[in-house]
Amino acid sequence: MQYYDRACEQFSRRELLNIVWALGAAAIAAPVRAQAPVSRLAFRSNPFTLGIASGDPLPTGVVLWTRLAPEPLAGGGMPMVPVEVAWEVGTDPSFRSIVRSGTEIARPELGHSVHVDVEGLLPGRDYWYRFHAGSETSAAGRTRTAPAANAMAERVRFAVCGCNHFEHGFFTGYRRIAEEGFDWILHTGDYIYESGASAGGVRTHHGAELYSVADYRARYAQYKLDPDLQAAHASAPFIVTWDDHEVVNDYAGGRGGADVPPEVFALRRAAGYQAYYEAMPLRRPALPGGAGMQLHRRLAFGQLVDLHVCDTRQWRSSQACGKGWKSQCEEALDSRRTMLGTDQERWLFANLERPAGRWTLLGQQVYTFARDLGALDPAARFNMDKWDGYVAARRRLYRRLVDTRTPNPIILSGDVHQHFAADLKMDFARPESETVGVELTTTSISSNGDGTDVAPGWDRVRADNPHVKYHSARRGYIACTATPGTLRGDFMVLDRVTVPGQPTRVDASVVIENGRRGAAMQ
């Protein structure tokens, strides 16, 4: 059984035409001679300035990524022609034994990005990879394949991270992630921030607020020039999903704000989606087309971990009750409202009927557990951008986890710039109600600066949120270790991100035992 969801790998003629249209009429009208690959270029400077990456590991394959950009903040600095890029995969960091190699075309329509779907590797193995273009060679990266589908792995180690605002702090957390040598890294979204340059941060965004493909490409380039982020990508495969800032703050489906016509926002969203694909180690099914971008997918790590990567941004209903922090109005309780969209919800619910691992993980963007701040302001109890604003959708998800007897469900989330470990309840208003599973929410890598041990006001609302077992407003990531008997999450924090090179420490640890639906703190 192949657990990676390849539903869109074979495009229909109509879908291919949609993709061509999304890439622009200019590409269609380009002279035929300009489409012939250029095998070698005399680069004036290193074209691999943005580093390398791998992603979405399968038992016998992995995606490799790079983007040619000798002048990364000046449009990339590449000629507007396709360029041939060679790649190779070896069993050692010195590449004495090359097991797979080939060439791929870096196309100008996709910002000269390269996505290589490598196959024919052995399960559960470390590999090293690199690229060549002209006479230039990229840095080498380590990747790792998933365990064999029929194997019960002894251990899978992974990190959960997200929300790296360039202006708010240094990406030291990524350096510490790189040093841990995880099997894979889940990024929960907000890989970039779309705002223009602002004063008062430790670093400054290049350029104004993002609207065009060129704008988004330049912002990804600025972030990917960071050596700590490059180190994390080179250390292990990333499994990515997005949140809102990859396009614009708090967008919902096809709506980018009350003052922006949907047909106008669609242009900005398409630009953000294209640049996201160009910047991430994703397979061809994720290539944006006329209907959007398929980001939900399923990956299995032997019989130990079954990971469902979800997208809570692209297909959701608009925020209820006027957005922001509100008491739940009638609209928020409407059963027709969706967080995942009809097709993705159907896909996820069908998967939950066919469990493939000891631990069932749902990787997505915004926290699902109730976070009631009514003690601070009764008129602003819940955040309408989170699952608290989509109560019926949350109930459907939790009910599905119960009805299908999903093995050890754990939801992994981010967005909120705070660490949380929470029990998931069928009825959060009744603490004695059934516990459905556990949610581990990662804080930010750098967003909102250094942070504090406890978010302002949390002591006043703690009693109204008894399902929350742990909380911190420091920066960092979660280091997770899954074994057949337990899943452990170590909440790693840095005391400062406004100063580079700081150490991490374990602020708290949560242990979830096989067969027990609840979190135990250590």
Protein backbone atom coordinates (compact mmCIF):
# COMPACT_ATOMS: atom_id res chain seq x y z
CA MET A 1 0.00 0.00 0.00
CA GLN A 2 1.33 3.44 -0.91
CA TYR A 3 0.39 5.85 1.86
CA TYR A 4 1.53 9.06 0.16
CA ASP A 5 -1.59 10.56 -1.43
CA ARG A 6 -0.92 10.85 -5.18
CA ALA A 7 -4.50 11.66 -6.18
CA CYS A 8 -3.47 14.49 -8.50
CA GLU A 9 -0.29 13.05 -9.95
CA GLN A 10 -1.89 12.14 -13.27
CA PHE A 11 -3.33 15.38 -14.61
CA SER A 12 -6.20 15.40 -17.08
CA ARG A 13 -5.97 17.47 -20.25
CA ARG A 14 -8.26 20.10 -18.68
CA GLU A 15 -6.07 20.29 -15.56
CA LEU A 16 -2.93 20.65 -17.62
CA LEU A 17 -4.53 23.51 -19.53
CA ASN A 18 -5.41 25.15 -16.22
CA ILE A 19 -1.79 24.89 -15.12
CA VAL A 20 -0.55 26.38 -18.38
CA TRP A 21 -3.01 29.24 -17.99
CA ALA A 22 -1.92 29.79 -14.35
CA LEU A 23 1.70 30.06 -15.46
CA GLY A 24 0.78 32.90 -17.78
CA ALA A 25 0.05 33.62 -21.39
CA ALA A 26 3.58 34.91 -21.78
CA ALA A 27 4.95 31.41 -21.38
CA ILE A 28 2.63 30.13 -24.11
CA ALA A 29 3.63 32.90 -26.52
CA ALA A 30 7.40 32.57 -25.95
CA PRO A 31 9.45 31.62 -29.03
CA VAL A 32 10.10 27.91 -29.40
CA ARG A 33 13.86 28.43 -29.48
CA ALA A 34 13.73 29.97 -25.97
CA GLN A 35 12.34 26.71 -24.59
CA ALA A 36 15.40 24.62 -25.48
CA PRO A 37 17.33 23.71 -22.29
CA VAL A 38 20.69 25.37 -21.76
CA SER A 39 23.01 22.67 -20.47
CA ARG A 40 25.79 24.91 -19.16
CA LEU A 41 25.96 28.55 -18.13
CA ALA A 42 28.93 30.64 -17.08
CA PHE A 43 27.56 31.96 -13.80
CA ARG A 44 29.08 35.18 -12.56
CA SER A 45 28.38 34.04 -9.00
CA ASN A 46 27.06 31.04 -7.10
CA PRO A 47 23.52 30.22 -8.33
CA PHE A 48 22.77 28.13 -5.19
CA THR A 49 22.53 31.09 -2.82
CA LEU A 50 19.16 29.93 -1.48
CA GLY A 51 20.44 26.55 -0.36
CA ILE A 52 18.93 23.15 -0.90
CA ALA A 53 16.14 21.15 0.70
CA SER A 54 14.38 17.81 0.72
CA GLY A 55 10.84 16.91 1.68
CA ASP A 56 7.91 14.49 1.93
CA PRO A 57 9.90 11.28 2.52
CA LEU A 58 8.50 7.98 1.28
CA PRO A 59 9.97 4.53 2.00
CA THR A 60 11.72 4.52 -1.39
CA GLY A 61 11.93 8.18 -2.32
CA VAL A 62 12.08 11.83 -1.40
CA VAL A 63 11.68 15.24 -3.04
CA LEU A 64 14.81 17.33 -3.64
CA TRP A 65 14.63 21.09 -4.10
CA THR A 66 16.76 24.04 -5.07
CA ARG A 67 16.31 27.32 -6.92
CA LEU A 68 18.88 29.01 -9.12
CA ALA A 69 19.32 32.61 -8.00
CA PRO A 70 22.79 34.15 -8.35
CA GLU A 71 21.22 37.55 -7.53
CA PRO A 72 18.48 36.46 -5.12
CA LEU A 73 17.17 39.91 -4.13
CA ALA A 74 17.31 41.33 -7.65
CA GLY A 75 14.84 39.06 -9.41
CA GLY A 76 17.12 36.04 -9.17
CA GLY A 77 19.62 37.20 -11.79
CA MET A 78 18.87 34.35 -14.19
CA PRO A 79 18.40 34.61 -17.98
CA MET A 80 14.84 33.93 -19.09
CA VAL A 81 15.60 30.50 -20.50
CA PRO A 82 15.28 26.95 -19.13
CA VAL A 83 18.48 25.67 -17.53
CA GLU A 84 19.57 22.09 -17.05
CA VAL A 85 20.46 21.17 -13.45
CA ALA A 86 22.14 17.91 -12.52
CA TRP A 87 21.49 16.17 -9.20
CA GLU A 88 22.94 13.20 -7.39
CA VAL A 89 22.16 11.15 -4.29
CA GLY A 90 24.82 9.27 -2.36
CA THR A 91 25.02 7.00 0.66
CA ASP A 92 27.70 9.11 2.37
CA PRO A 93 28.41 12.86 2.74
CA SER A 94 31.53 12.53 0.55
CA PHE A 95 29.48 11.05 -2.34
CA ARG A 96 31.85 8.13 -2.80
CA SER A 97 28.83 5.95 -3.60
CA ILE A 98 26.26 7.55 -5.92
CA VAL A 99 23.01 5.57 -5.99
CA ARG A 100 20.76 7.90 -7.98
CA SER A 101 21.46 10.80 -10.35
CA GLY A 102 19.88 12.67 -13.21
CA THR A 103 18.98 16.07 -14.62
CA GLU A 104 16.03 18.38 -14.18
CA ILE A 105 15.03 21.58 -15.96
CA ALA A 106 14.91 24.82 -13.97
CA ARG A 107 12.24 26.78 -15.80
CA PRO A 108 11.85 30.57 -15.77
CA GLU A 109 8.07 30.21 -15.46
CA LEU A 110 8.69 28.71 -11.99
CA GLY A 111 11.45 31.07 -10.91
CA HIS A 112 14.14 28.57 -11.96
CA SER A 113 13.15 26.31 -9.09
CA VAL A 114 13.88 22.58 -9.27
CA HIS A 115 11.74 19.79 -7.81
CA VAL A 116 13.15 16.28 -8.20
CA ASP A 117 10.99 13.30 -7.22
CA VAL A 118 13.70 10.74 -6.47
CA GLU A 119 12.66 7.09 -6.45
CA GLY A 120 14.41 3.75 -5.99
CA LEU A 121 15.97 4.40 -2.56
CA LEU A 122 15.99 2.00 0.37
CA PRO A 123 13.62 2.48 3.34
CA GLY A 124 14.73 3.98 6.62
CA ARG A 125 18.14 5.18 5.38
CA ASP A 126 20.13 8.38 5.48
CA TYR A 127 21.20 9.79 2.12
CA TRP A 128 23.08 12.88 0.98
CA TYR A 129 22.30 14.95 -2.11
CA ARG A 130 23.56 17.93 -4.08
CA PHE A 131 23.05 19.80 -7.34
CA HIS A 132 25.26 20.98 -10.20
CA ALA A 133 24.63 23.81 -12.67
CA GLY A 134 27.29 24.92 -15.12
CA SER A 135 30.56 24.59 -13.24
CA GLU A 136 28.92 25.31 -9.87
CA THR A 137 28.00 22.79 -7.17
CA SER A 138 25.55 23.32 -4.33
CA ALA A 139 26.11 22.55 -0.69
CA ALA A 140 25.27 18.98 0.30
CA GLY A 141 22.20 18.08 2.33
CA ARG A 142 21.18 15.07 4.40
CA THR A 143 17.79 13.46 3.89
CA ARG A 144 16.16 10.29 5.17
CA THR A 145 13.59 7.92 3.71
CA ALA A 146 10.61 6.67 5.69
CA PRO A 147 10.65 3.17 7.18
CA ALA A 148 9.24 0.32 5.11
CA ALA A 149 5.45 0.23 5.05
CA ASN A 150 5.27 -3.14 6.83
CA ALA A 151 7.90 -2.31 9.48
CA MET A 152 7.23 -1.31 13.08
CA ALA A 153 10.03 1.19 13.56
CA GLU A 154 11.65 1.32 16.97
CA ARG A 155 11.70 5.10 16.94
CA VAL A 156 10.81 8.10 14.77
CA ARG A 157 12.10 11.52 15.79
CA PHE A 158 10.64 14.70 14.32
CA ALA A 159 10.37 18.41 15.03
CA VAL A 160 7.32 20.68 14.86
CA CYS A 161 7.99 24.35 14.11
CA GLY A 162 6.58 27.41 12.37
CA CYS A 163 6.05 31.19 12.33
CA ASN A 164 9.45 32.62 11.47
CA HIS A 165 9.09 36.41 11.19
CA PHE A 166 12.37 37.75 9.85
CA GLU A 167 12.07 41.17 11.47
CA HIS A 168 11.20 39.92 14.96
CA GLY A 169 14.23 37.80 15.67
CA PHE A 170 17.01 35.53 14.52
CA PHE A 171 16.33 32.00 13.30
CA THR A 172 18.45 30.38 16.01
CA GLY A 173 15.76 27.77 16.57
CA TYR A 174 16.46 26.42 13.09
CA ARG A 175 20.14 26.06 13.90
CA ARG A 176 19.24 24.04 17.00
CA ILE A 177 16.84 21.92 14.95
CA ALA A 178 19.65 21.22 12.49
CA GLU A 179 21.91 20.10 15.32
CA GLU A 180 19.38 17.51 16.51
CA GLY A 181 19.38 15.51 13.25
CA PHE A 182 15.67 14.68 13.15
CA ASP A 183 14.14 12.12 10.80
CA TRP A 184 11.85 14.87 9.47
CA ILE A 185 10.58 18.34 10.31
CA LEU A 186 6.95 19.49 10.16
CA HIS A 187 6.48 23.19 9.39
CA THR A 188 3.00 24.38 10.38
CA GLY A 189 2.98 27.58 8.32
CA ASP A 190 3.85 31.28 8.23
CA TYR A 191 7.16 30.49 6.56
CA ILE A 192 7.31 34.13 5.44
CA TYR A 193 5.44 37.29 6.42
CA GLU A 194 3.94 39.50 3.75
CA SER A 195 4.27 42.92 5.38
CA GLY A 196 6.67 45.57 4.17
CA ALA A 197 9.71 46.85 6.01
CA SER A 198 9.02 48.19 9.50
CA ALA A 199 11.10 49.93 12.14
CA GLY A 200 12.04 48.53 15.52
CA GLY A 201 12.92 44.95 14.64
CA VAL A 202 16.30 43.29 14.83
CA ARG A 203 16.22 42.86 11.04
CA THR A 204 14.32 44.53 8.20
CA HIS A 205 12.20 43.13 5.40
CA HIS A 206 13.46 43.76 1.90
CA GLY A 207 10.82 45.66 -0.06
CA ALA A 208 7.22 46.72 0.46
CA GLU A 209 4.14 44.61 1.15
CA LEU A 210 3.82 41.63 -1.20
CA TYR A 211 1.36 41.49 -4.09
CA SER A 212 3.05 40.06 -7.21
CA VAL A 213 4.89 36.81 -7.89
CA ALA A 214 8.13 38.80 -8.05
CA ASP A 215 7.39 40.30 -4.63
CA TYR A 216 6.78 36.92 -3.01
CA ARG A 217 9.83 35.37 -4.70
CA ALA A 218 12.04 38.10 -3.30
CA ARG A 219 10.68 37.64 0.22
CA TYR A 220 11.27 33.87 0.12
CA ALA A 221 14.76 34.63 -1.15
CA GLN A 222 15.47 36.94 1.79
CA TYR A 223 14.30 34.33 4.29
CA LYS A 224 16.15 31.49 2.58
CA LEU A 225 19.41 33.44 2.61
CA ASP A 226 19.40 32.99 6.39
CA PRO A 227 22.17 30.47 7.26
CA ASP A 228 20.25 28.97 10.19
CA LEU A 229 17.20 28.24 8.03
CA GLN A 230 19.46 26.77 5.34
CA ALA A 231 21.09 24.54 7.97
CA ALA A 232 17.71 23.18 9.08
CA HIS A 233 16.69 22.37 5.51
CA ALA A 234 20.02 20.66 4.86
CA SER A 235 19.68 18.53 8.02
CA ALA A 236 16.46 16.60 7.33
CA PRO A 237 13.42 16.51 5.02
CA PHE A 238 10.74 19.15 5.64
CA ILE A 239 7.02 18.37 5.49
CA VAL A 240 5.32 21.70 4.94
CA THR A 241 1.91 23.26 5.09
CA TRP A 242 1.00 26.93 5.03
CA ASP A 243 -1.05 29.34 7.09
CA ASP A 244 -2.14 32.87 6.20
CA HIS A 245 1.02 34.99 5.97
CA GLU A 246 2.20 33.12 2.90
CA VAL A 247 -0.47 35.29 1.23
CA VAL A 248 -1.94 37.85 3.66
CA ASN A 249 -2.91 37.88 7.32
CA ASP A 250 -6.21 36.14 8.23
CA TYR A 251 -7.36 35.44 4.69
CA ALA A 252 -10.09 32.82 4.45
CA GLY A 253 -10.63 30.80 1.28
CA GLY A 254 -11.20 33.28 -1.52
CA ARG A 255 -11.61 36.28 0.76
CA GLY A 256 -8.69 38.54 1.55
CA GLY A 257 -10.55 41.24 3.45
CA ALA A 258 -13.87 43.06 3.37
CA ASP A 259 -12.43 45.90 1.30
CA VAL A 260 -10.85 43.66 -1.37
CA PRO A 261 -13.07 42.30 -4.18
CA PRO A 262 -12.69 38.50 -4.43
CA GLU A 263 -11.64 38.68 -8.08
CA VAL A 264 -8.83 41.08 -7.14
CA PHE A 265 -7.71 39.02 -4.15
CA ALA A 266 -7.59 35.95 -6.40
CA LEU A 267 -4.67 37.52 -8.25
CA ARG A 268 -2.69 38.06 -5.05
CA ARG A 269 -3.51 34.58 -3.76
CA ALA A 270 -2.39 32.99 -7.04
CA ALA A 271 0.91 34.89 -6.84
CA GLY A 272 1.48 33.74 -3.28
CA TYR A 273 0.62 30.15 -4.13
CA GLN A 274 2.97 30.02 -7.10
CA ALA A 275 5.87 31.46 -5.10
CA TYR A 276 5.15 29.01 -2.27
CA TYR A 277 5.38 26.04 -4.62
CA GLU A 278 8.58 27.42 -6.13
CA ALA A 279 10.14 27.75 -2.67
CA MET A 280 9.14 24.43 -1.08
CA PRO A 281 10.20 20.78 -1.50
CA LEU A 282 6.84 19.62 -2.86
CA ARG A 283 5.88 17.05 -5.46
CA ARG A 284 4.11 17.79 -8.73
CA PRO A 285 0.57 17.18 -7.33
CA ALA A 286 1.01 20.43 -5.38
CA LEU A 287 1.70 22.51 -8.50
CA PRO A 288 -0.93 25.30 -8.45
CA GLY A 289 -3.62 25.08 -11.08
CA GLY A 290 -6.79 26.93 -11.95
CA ALA A 291 -8.68 25.50 -8.95
CA GLY A 292 -6.02 26.30 -6.34
CA MET A 293 -3.30 24.14 -4.84
CA GLN A 294 -3.56 20.66 -3.32
CA LEU A 295 -1.54 20.72 -0.14
CA HIS A 296 -3.29 18.00 1.88
CA ARG A 297 -1.55 14.66 1.73
CA ARG A 298 -0.79 11.56 3.77
CA LEU A 299 2.59 10.13 4.68
CA ALA A 300 3.30 6.97 6.66
CA PHE A 301 6.40 6.07 8.65
CA GLY A 302 6.15 2.32 8.73
CA GLN A 303 3.46 1.06 11.06
CA LEU A 304 4.49 3.55 13.74
CA VAL A 305 3.35 7.00 12.51
CA ASP A 306 0.49 7.89 10.14
CA LEU A 307 0.68 11.60 9.27
CA HIS A 308 -2.13 13.56 7.62
CA VAL A 309 -1.05 17.03 6.48
CA CYS A 310 -4.04 19.37 6.28
CA ASP A 311 -4.79 22.82 4.87
CA THR A 312 -7.10 24.95 7.06
CA ARG A 313 -6.67 28.15 5.05
CA GLN A 314 -7.49 27.62 1.37
CA TRP A 315 -10.95 26.08 1.59
CA ARG A 316 -12.38 27.45 4.85
CA SER A 317 -15.52 29.53 5.32
CA SER A 318 -14.99 33.19 6.15
CA GLN A 319 -14.45 34.04 9.82
CA ALA A 320 -17.66 34.46 11.80
CA CYS A 321 -18.98 37.23 14.03
CA GLY A 322 -16.90 39.99 12.49
CA LYS A 323 -13.50 38.29 12.96
CA GLY A 324 -11.13 38.82 15.85
CA TRP A 325 -11.86 37.87 19.46
CA LYS A 326 -15.61 37.53 19.99
CA SER A 327 -18.16 35.65 22.00
CA GLN A 328 -19.41 32.84 19.81
CA CYS A 329 -22.31 34.22 17.78
CA GLU A 330 -24.91 32.10 16.01
CA GLU A 331 -22.87 32.16 12.81
CA ALA A 332 -19.89 30.48 14.51
CA LEU A 333 -22.16 27.55 15.44
CA ASP A 334 -23.61 27.11 11.92
CA SER A 335 -23.29 23.46 10.87
CA ARG A 336 -22.67 24.46 7.23
CA ARG A 337 -19.41 26.21 8.07
CA THR A 338 -16.18 24.41 7.23
CA MET A 339 -12.52 24.69 8.11
CA LEU A 340 -11.20 22.08 5.67
CA GLY A 341 -13.65 22.38 2.79
CA THR A 342 -15.94 19.58 1.65
CA ASP A 343 -13.45 17.62 -0.44
CA GLN A 344 -10.57 17.75 2.04
CA GLU A 345 -12.84 16.85 4.96
CA ARG A 346 -14.15 13.86 3.00
CA TRP A 347 -10.55 12.85 2.18
CA LEU A 348 -9.46 13.07 5.81
CA PHE A 349 -12.49 11.27 7.20
CA ALA A 350 -12.03 8.43 4.70
CA ASN A 351 -8.38 8.09 5.72
CA LEU A 352 -9.33 7.85 9.38
CA GLU A 353 -11.32 4.73 8.52
CA ARG A 354 -8.09 3.13 7.25
CA PRO A 355 -5.49 3.64 10.01
CA ALA A 356 -1.93 2.87 9.02
CA GLY A 357 0.08 3.50 12.17
CA ARG A 358 0.27 3.23 15.93
CA TRP A 359 0.13 7.04 16.17
CA THR A 360 -2.31 9.06 14.06
CA LEU A 361 -0.98 12.58 13.55
CA LEU A 362 -2.89 15.51 12.01
CA GLY A 363 -0.49 18.29 11.04
CA GLN A 364 -2.27 21.59 10.43
CA GLN A 365 -2.07 25.30 11.12
CA VAL A 366 -4.36 26.68 13.83
CA TYR A 367 -5.14 25.14 17.20
CA THR A 368 -8.36 23.10 17.47
CA PHE A 369 -8.80 23.11 21.26
CA ALA A 370 -10.99 25.74 22.94
CA ARG A 371 -9.10 28.77 24.25
CA ASP A 372 -11.49 30.79 26.36
CA LEU A 373 -10.29 34.27 27.38
CA GLY A 374 -13.65 35.33 28.79
CA ALA A 375 -12.12 36.11 32.19
CA LEU A 376 -10.21 38.93 30.51
CA ASP A 377 -13.13 40.19 28.41
CA PRO A 378 -16.53 38.43 28.28
CA ALA A 379 -17.19 40.01 24.86
CA ALA A 380 -13.97 38.58 23.41
CA ARG A 381 -13.87 34.99 24.61
CA PHE A 382 -12.75 33.12 21.47
CA ASN A 383 -10.60 33.77 18.42
CA MET A 384 -12.79 33.48 15.34
CA ASP A 385 -9.82 32.67 13.08
CA LYS A 386 -9.18 29.40 14.96
CA TRP A 387 -11.37 26.30 15.28
CA ASP A 388 -13.28 28.11 18.06
CA GLY A 389 -14.92 30.04 15.21
CA TYR A 390 -15.80 26.79 13.40
CA VAL A 391 -17.46 24.83 16.20
CA ALA A 392 -19.50 22.44 14.05
CA ALA A 393 -16.44 21.58 11.92
CA ARG A 394 -14.46 20.83 15.09
CA ARG A 395 -17.26 18.65 16.43
CA ARG A 396 -17.39 16.70 13.16
CA LEU A 397 -13.63 16.10 13.31
CA TYR A 398 -13.62 15.01 16.94
CA ARG A 399 -16.66 12.79 16.43
CA ARG A 400 -14.92 11.13 13.49
CA LEU A 401 -11.87 10.41 15.63
CA VAL A 402 -14.12 8.72 18.18
CA ASP A 403 -16.39 6.84 15.79
CA THR A 404 -13.50 5.39 13.75
CA ARG A 405 -11.57 4.55 16.94
CA THR A 406 -8.60 6.33 15.46
CA PRO A 407 -5.42 4.98 17.08
CA ASN A 408 -3.80 7.53 19.40
CA PRO A 409 -4.91 10.76 17.65
CA ILE A 410 -2.56 13.70 18.12
CA ILE A 411 -3.10 17.07 16.44
CA LEU A 412 0.00 19.16 15.68
CA SER A 413 -0.58 22.89 15.22
CA GLY A 414 1.08 26.30 15.33
CA ASP A 415 0.14 29.90 14.43
CA VAL A 416 -0.37 31.29 17.94
CA HIS A 417 3.30 31.94 18.88
CA GLN A 418 2.88 30.00 22.12
CA HIS A 419 3.52 26.43 23.24
CA PHE A 420 0.49 24.41 24.37
CA ALA A 421 -0.22 20.83 25.33
CA ALA A 422 -3.97 20.22 25.60
CA ASP A 423 -6.43 17.39 25.97
CA LEU A 424 -9.13 17.43 23.28
CA LYS A 425 -12.66 17.25 24.68
CA MET A 426 -15.94 16.45 22.98
CA ASP A 427 -17.41 19.29 25.04
CA PHE A 428 -14.91 21.82 26.32
CA ALA A 429 -17.61 23.39 28.52
CA ARG A 430 -17.76 20.11 30.46
CA PRO A 431 -14.28 19.09 31.67
CA GLU A 432 -15.60 15.63 32.55
CA SER A 433 -16.60 14.93 28.93
CA GLU A 434 -14.81 12.38 26.79
CA THR A 435 -11.16 12.99 25.92
CA VAL A 436 -10.72 12.53 22.18
CA GLY A 437 -6.95 12.94 21.89
CA VAL A 438 -4.10 15.37 22.49
CA GLU A 439 -2.97 18.54 20.75
CA LEU A 440 0.62 19.79 20.71
CA THR A 441 0.90 23.40 19.56
CA THR A 442 4.30 24.83 18.73
CA THR A 443 5.36 28.36 19.52
CA SER A 444 7.08 30.50 16.90
CA ILE A 445 10.66 30.36 15.74
CA SER A 446 10.92 34.15 16.02
CA SER A 447 7.53 35.84 15.58
CA ASN A 448 6.67 38.33 18.35
CA GLY A 449 10.26 38.54 19.55
CA ASP A 450 11.68 37.09 22.75
CA GLY A 451 8.39 36.34 24.45
CA THR A 452 7.82 35.49 28.10
CA ASP A 453 7.36 32.39 30.23
CA VAL A 454 3.61 33.03 30.46
CA ALA A 455 1.47 35.07 28.10
CA PRO A 456 -0.10 38.18 29.65
CA GLY A 457 -3.38 37.30 31.33
CA TRP A 458 -2.92 33.53 31.17
CA ASP A 459 -3.00 33.18 34.97
CA ARG A 460 -6.46 34.77 34.96
CA VAL A 461 -7.88 32.41 32.31
CA ARG A 462 -6.15 29.19 33.33
CA ALA A 463 -9.10 27.99 35.42
CA ASP A 464 -11.44 28.36 32.42
CA ASN A 465 -9.18 26.12 30.31
CA PRO A 466 -8.55 23.02 32.44
CA HIS A 467 -7.87 20.92 29.34
CA VAL A 468 -4.65 22.91 28.75
CA LYS A 469 -1.89 21.02 30.53
CA TYR A 470 1.05 23.24 29.59
CA HIS A 471 1.66 26.71 28.23
CA SER A 472 4.66 28.94 27.45
CA ALA A 473 5.05 32.15 25.45
CA ARG A 474 8.79 31.68 24.74
CA ARG A 475 10.12 30.94 21.25
CA GLY A 476 11.31 27.54 20.04
CA TYR A 477 9.96 24.27 18.66
CA ILE A 478 8.75 20.83 19.76
CA ALA A 479 11.09 17.83 19.58
CA CYS A 480 9.01 14.65 19.34
CA THR A 481 9.99 11.00 19.72
CA ALA A 482 7.52 8.26 18.79
CA THR A 483 8.03 4.65 19.88
CA PRO A 484 5.55 1.76 19.90
CA GLY A 485 4.76 2.51 23.55
CA THR A 486 4.82 6.29 23.87
CA LEU A 487 4.98 9.58 22.04
CA ARG A 488 7.03 12.19 23.87
CA GLY A 489 7.10 15.89 23.08
CA ASP A 490 9.86 18.07 24.49
CA PHE A 491 8.94 21.76 24.38
CA MET A 492 12.20 23.45 23.44
CA VAL A 493 12.55 27.16 24.19
CA LEU A 494 15.05 29.97 23.71
CA ASP A 495 15.08 32.77 26.25
CA ARG A 496 16.01 35.29 23.56
CA VAL A 497 15.73 35.42 19.78
CA THR A 498 16.70 39.07 19.48
CA VAL A 499 20.27 37.98 20.22
CA PRO A 500 21.78 35.42 17.81
CA GLY A 501 23.32 32.11 18.81
CA GLN A 502 21.37 31.42 22.00
CA PRO A 503 21.02 27.88 23.43
CA THR A 504 17.76 25.96 23.74
CA ARG A 505 16.47 24.23 26.83
CA VAL A 506 13.66 21.76 27.56
CA ASP A 507 10.95 23.81 29.26
CA ALA A 508 8.57 20.87 29.75
CA SER A 509 7.82 17.45 28.35
CA VAL A 510 4.57 15.68 27.59
CA VAL A 511 4.23 11.90 27.36
CA ILE A 512 1.28 10.21 25.67
CA GLU A 513 0.95 6.49 26.30
CA ASN A 514 -0.26 4.08 23.65
CA GLY A 515 -3.97 3.46 24.18
CA ARG A 516 -4.53 6.33 26.64
CA ARG A 517 -6.21 9.47 25.30
CA GLY A 518 -4.70 12.21 27.38
CA ALA A 519 -1.48 14.10 28.04
CA ALA A 520 0.77 13.51 31.03
CA MET A 521 3.29 16.25 31.79
CA GLN A 522 6.78 15.52 33.07
